[in-house]
Amino acid sequence: MTKKKEQAAATPLDAHAVALRLGVSVFTVKREARRGALDFYRIGAGKGRLRFSEEHVQTYLDRRENKQPSSAA
């Protein structure tokens, strides 16, 4: 992996960035995190701010793809 790709992969994403990637609202991202469907970690004191990794987002997408019912022809 190139250094630029490593840095991009290591950069934590906030809820807004994840929402843009998924095409949903920030509220939806936070709801999915609260219900355990979207993994996250917290940065900061107290409750901290939600942060997501590229891996978290990809895992979420993979899970959603696997849950989609296949269309019967």
N, C-alpha and C. Protein backbone atom coordinates (compact mmCIF):
# COMPACT_ATOMS: atom_id res chain seq x y z
N MET A 1 0.85 -1.17 0.00
CA MET A 1 0.00 0.00 0.00
C MET A 1 0.89 1.24 0.00
N THR A 2 0.54 2.22 -0.78
CA THR A 2 1.35 3.43 -0.83
C THR A 2 1.13 4.25 0.44
N LYS A 3 2.07 5.15 0.70
CA LYS A 3 1.98 5.96 1.92
C LYS A 3 0.69 6.79 1.94
N LYS A 4 0.30 7.33 0.80
CA LYS A 4 -0.92 8.14 0.72
C LYS A 4 -2.15 7.29 1.04
N LYS A 5 -2.20 6.06 0.51
CA LYS A 5 -3.32 5.17 0.79
C LYS A 5 -3.34 4.76 2.26
N GLU A 6 -2.16 4.54 2.85
CA GLU A 6 -2.07 4.18 4.26
C GLU A 6 -2.61 5.32 5.12
N GLN A 7 -2.26 6.55 4.78
CA GLN A 7 -2.74 7.70 5.54
C GLN A 7 -4.25 7.84 5.40
N ALA A 8 -4.77 7.64 4.21
CA ALA A 8 -6.21 7.74 3.99
C ALA A 8 -6.95 6.66 4.77
N ALA A 9 -6.39 5.47 4.79
CA ALA A 9 -7.02 4.36 5.51
C ALA A 9 -6.99 4.59 7.01
N ALA A 10 -5.97 5.29 7.50
CA ALA A 10 -5.83 5.51 8.93
C ALA A 10 -6.59 6.75 9.40
N THR A 11 -7.05 7.58 8.49
CA THR A 11 -7.75 8.80 8.86
C THR A 11 -9.15 8.46 9.34
N PRO A 12 -9.48 8.83 10.58
CA PRO A 12 -10.84 8.53 11.07
C PRO A 12 -11.86 9.40 10.36
N LEU A 13 -13.01 8.82 10.11
CA LEU A 13 -14.11 9.52 9.45
C LEU A 13 -15.13 9.94 10.49
N ASP A 14 -15.69 11.14 10.34
CA ASP A 14 -16.76 11.55 11.25
C ASP A 14 -18.10 11.12 10.64
N ALA A 15 -19.17 11.32 11.39
CA ALA A 15 -20.50 10.89 10.95
C ALA A 15 -20.91 11.57 9.64
N HIS A 16 -20.51 12.81 9.47
CA HIS A 16 -20.86 13.54 8.24
C HIS A 16 -20.20 12.90 7.03
N ALA A 17 -18.92 12.56 7.13
CA ALA A 17 -18.20 11.94 6.02
C ALA A 17 -18.80 10.58 5.67
N VAL A 18 -19.17 9.82 6.70
CA VAL A 18 -19.77 8.51 6.46
C VAL A 18 -21.14 8.68 5.80
N ALA A 19 -21.90 9.66 6.26
CA ALA A 19 -23.22 9.91 5.67
C ALA A 19 -23.10 10.24 4.18
N LEU A 20 -22.13 11.06 3.83
CA LEU A 20 -21.92 11.39 2.41
C LEU A 20 -21.58 10.14 1.61
N ARG A 21 -20.72 9.29 2.16
CA ARG A 21 -20.34 8.05 1.44
C ARG A 21 -21.51 7.11 1.23
N LEU A 22 -22.35 7.03 2.27
CA LEU A 22 -23.46 6.08 2.20
C LEU A 22 -24.71 6.67 1.54
N GLY A 23 -24.72 7.98 1.35
CA GLY A 23 -25.89 8.62 0.76
C GLY A 23 -27.07 8.67 1.71
N VAL A 24 -26.78 8.82 3.01
CA VAL A 24 -27.82 8.90 4.03
C VAL A 24 -27.58 10.13 4.89
N SER A 25 -28.45 10.37 5.85
CA SER A 25 -28.29 11.52 6.74
C SER A 25 -27.34 11.18 7.89
N VAL A 26 -26.83 12.22 8.53
CA VAL A 26 -25.99 12.03 9.72
C VAL A 26 -26.80 11.32 10.80
N PHE A 27 -28.08 11.67 10.92
CA PHE A 27 -28.95 11.02 11.89
C PHE A 27 -28.97 9.50 11.67
N THR A 28 -29.08 9.08 10.41
CA THR A 28 -29.09 7.65 10.09
C THR A 28 -27.78 6.99 10.48
N VAL A 29 -26.66 7.63 10.21
CA VAL A 29 -25.35 7.08 10.59
C VAL A 29 -25.30 6.88 12.10
N LYS A 30 -25.71 7.88 12.85
CA LYS A 30 -25.67 7.78 14.31
C LYS A 30 -26.63 6.72 14.82
N ARG A 31 -27.80 6.62 14.20
CA ARG A 31 -28.77 5.60 14.59
C ARG A 31 -28.21 4.19 14.33
N GLU A 32 -27.60 4.00 13.17
CA GLU A 32 -27.02 2.70 12.85
C GLU A 32 -25.88 2.35 13.82
N ALA A 33 -25.13 3.35 14.23
CA ALA A 33 -24.06 3.12 15.21
C ALA A 33 -24.66 2.73 16.57
N ARG A 34 -25.69 3.47 16.99
CA ARG A 34 -26.33 3.19 18.29
C ARG A 34 -26.92 1.79 18.34
N ARG A 35 -27.49 1.34 17.24
CA ARG A 35 -28.12 0.02 17.25
C ARG A 35 -27.13 -1.11 17.00
N GLY A 36 -25.86 -0.76 16.77
CA GLY A 36 -24.82 -1.77 16.63
C GLY A 36 -24.59 -2.27 15.22
N ALA A 37 -25.26 -1.68 14.25
CA ALA A 37 -25.11 -2.12 12.87
C ALA A 37 -23.86 -1.55 12.22
N LEU A 38 -23.40 -0.41 12.72
CA LEU A 38 -22.22 0.26 12.17
C LEU A 38 -21.21 0.45 13.30
N ASP A 39 -20.08 -0.22 13.18
CA ASP A 39 -19.06 -0.13 14.21
C ASP A 39 -18.45 1.27 14.25
N PHE A 40 -17.96 1.67 15.40
CA PHE A 40 -17.36 2.98 15.58
C PHE A 40 -16.46 2.97 16.80
N TYR A 41 -15.74 4.05 17.01
CA TYR A 41 -15.02 4.27 18.25
C TYR A 41 -15.18 5.73 18.62
N ARG A 42 -14.79 6.07 19.82
CA ARG A 42 -14.97 7.43 20.31
C ARG A 42 -13.62 8.09 20.53
N ILE A 43 -13.57 9.38 20.25
CA ILE A 43 -12.37 10.18 20.48
C ILE A 43 -12.75 11.33 21.40
N GLY A 44 -11.97 11.55 22.42
CA GLY A 44 -12.22 12.68 23.31
C GLY A 44 -12.69 12.25 24.68
N ALA A 45 -12.82 13.25 25.54
CA ALA A 45 -13.23 13.01 26.92
C ALA A 45 -14.73 12.80 27.00
N GLY A 46 -15.17 12.23 28.10
CA GLY A 46 -16.60 11.98 28.30
C GLY A 46 -17.10 10.96 27.30
N LYS A 47 -18.24 11.27 26.71
CA LYS A 47 -18.79 10.37 25.70
C LYS A 47 -17.93 10.36 24.45
N GLY A 48 -17.25 11.45 24.17
CA GLY A 48 -16.40 11.53 23.00
C GLY A 48 -17.20 11.63 21.71
N ARG A 49 -16.49 11.91 20.65
CA ARG A 49 -17.13 12.04 19.34
C ARG A 49 -17.01 10.73 18.58
N LEU A 50 -18.04 10.40 17.84
CA LEU A 50 -18.03 9.17 17.05
C LEU A 50 -17.04 9.30 15.91
N ARG A 51 -16.27 8.27 15.71
CA ARG A 51 -15.37 8.20 14.57
C ARG A 51 -15.48 6.80 13.98
N PHE A 52 -15.29 6.74 12.68
CA PHE A 52 -15.43 5.48 11.95
C PHE A 52 -14.19 5.27 11.10
N SER A 53 -13.82 4.02 10.92
CA SER A 53 -12.70 3.70 10.03
C SER A 53 -13.27 3.25 8.69
N GLU A 54 -12.40 3.22 7.69
CA GLU A 54 -12.80 2.70 6.38
C GLU A 54 -13.31 1.27 6.53
N GLU A 55 -12.66 0.52 7.39
CA GLU A 55 -13.05 -0.88 7.61
C GLU A 55 -14.47 -0.95 8.20
N HIS A 56 -14.78 -0.06 9.14
CA HIS A 56 -16.13 -0.03 9.71
C HIS A 56 -17.17 0.18 8.61
N VAL A 57 -16.92 1.14 7.74
CA VAL A 57 -17.87 1.46 6.67
C VAL A 57 -18.00 0.29 5.71
N GLN A 58 -16.88 -0.30 5.32
CA GLN A 58 -16.93 -1.42 4.38
C GLN A 58 -17.64 -2.62 4.98
N THR A 59 -17.41 -2.90 6.26
CA THR A 59 -18.09 -4.01 6.93
C THR A 59 -19.60 -3.77 6.95
N TYR A 60 -20.00 -2.53 7.23
CA TYR A 60 -21.41 -2.18 7.23
C TYR A 60 -22.03 -2.42 5.85
N LEU A 61 -21.34 -1.97 4.82
CA LEU A 61 -21.84 -2.16 3.46
C LEU A 61 -21.94 -3.64 3.11
N ASP A 62 -20.93 -4.42 3.49
CA ASP A 62 -20.95 -5.86 3.22
C ASP A 62 -22.12 -6.53 3.91
N ARG A 63 -22.37 -6.16 5.16
CA ARG A 63 -23.49 -6.74 5.91
C ARG A 63 -24.82 -6.39 5.24
N ARG A 64 -24.96 -5.14 4.82
CA ARG A 64 -26.21 -4.72 4.16
C ARG A 64 -26.41 -5.45 2.85
N GLU A 65 -25.33 -5.63 2.11
CA GLU A 65 -25.41 -6.33 0.82
C GLU A 65 -25.86 -7.77 1.02
N ASN A 66 -25.35 -8.40 2.06
CA ASN A 66 -25.71 -9.79 2.34
C ASN A 66 -27.14 -9.94 2.84
N LYS A 67 -27.72 -8.86 3.40
CA LYS A 67 -29.08 -8.92 3.91
C LYS A 67 -30.12 -8.63 2.83
N GLN A 68 -29.69 -8.08 1.70
CA GLN A 68 -30.63 -7.75 0.64
C GLN A 68 -31.25 -9.05 0.10
N PRO A 69 -32.56 -9.12 0.06
CA PRO A 69 -33.18 -10.33 -0.48
C PRO A 69 -32.89 -10.44 -1.98
N SER A 70 -32.58 -11.64 -2.39
CA SER A 70 -32.32 -11.84 -3.82
C SER A 70 -33.65 -11.84 -4.56
N SER A 71 -33.65 -11.25 -5.72
CA SER A 71 -34.90 -11.19 -6.49
C SER A 71 -35.15 -12.53 -7.17
N ALA A 72 -36.30 -13.05 -6.94
CA ALA A 72 -36.66 -14.33 -7.55
C ALA A 72 -37.24 -14.07 -8.93
N ALA A 73 -36.70 -14.75 -9.91
CA ALA A 73 -37.17 -14.56 -11.29
C ALA A 73 -38.24 -15.54 -11.64
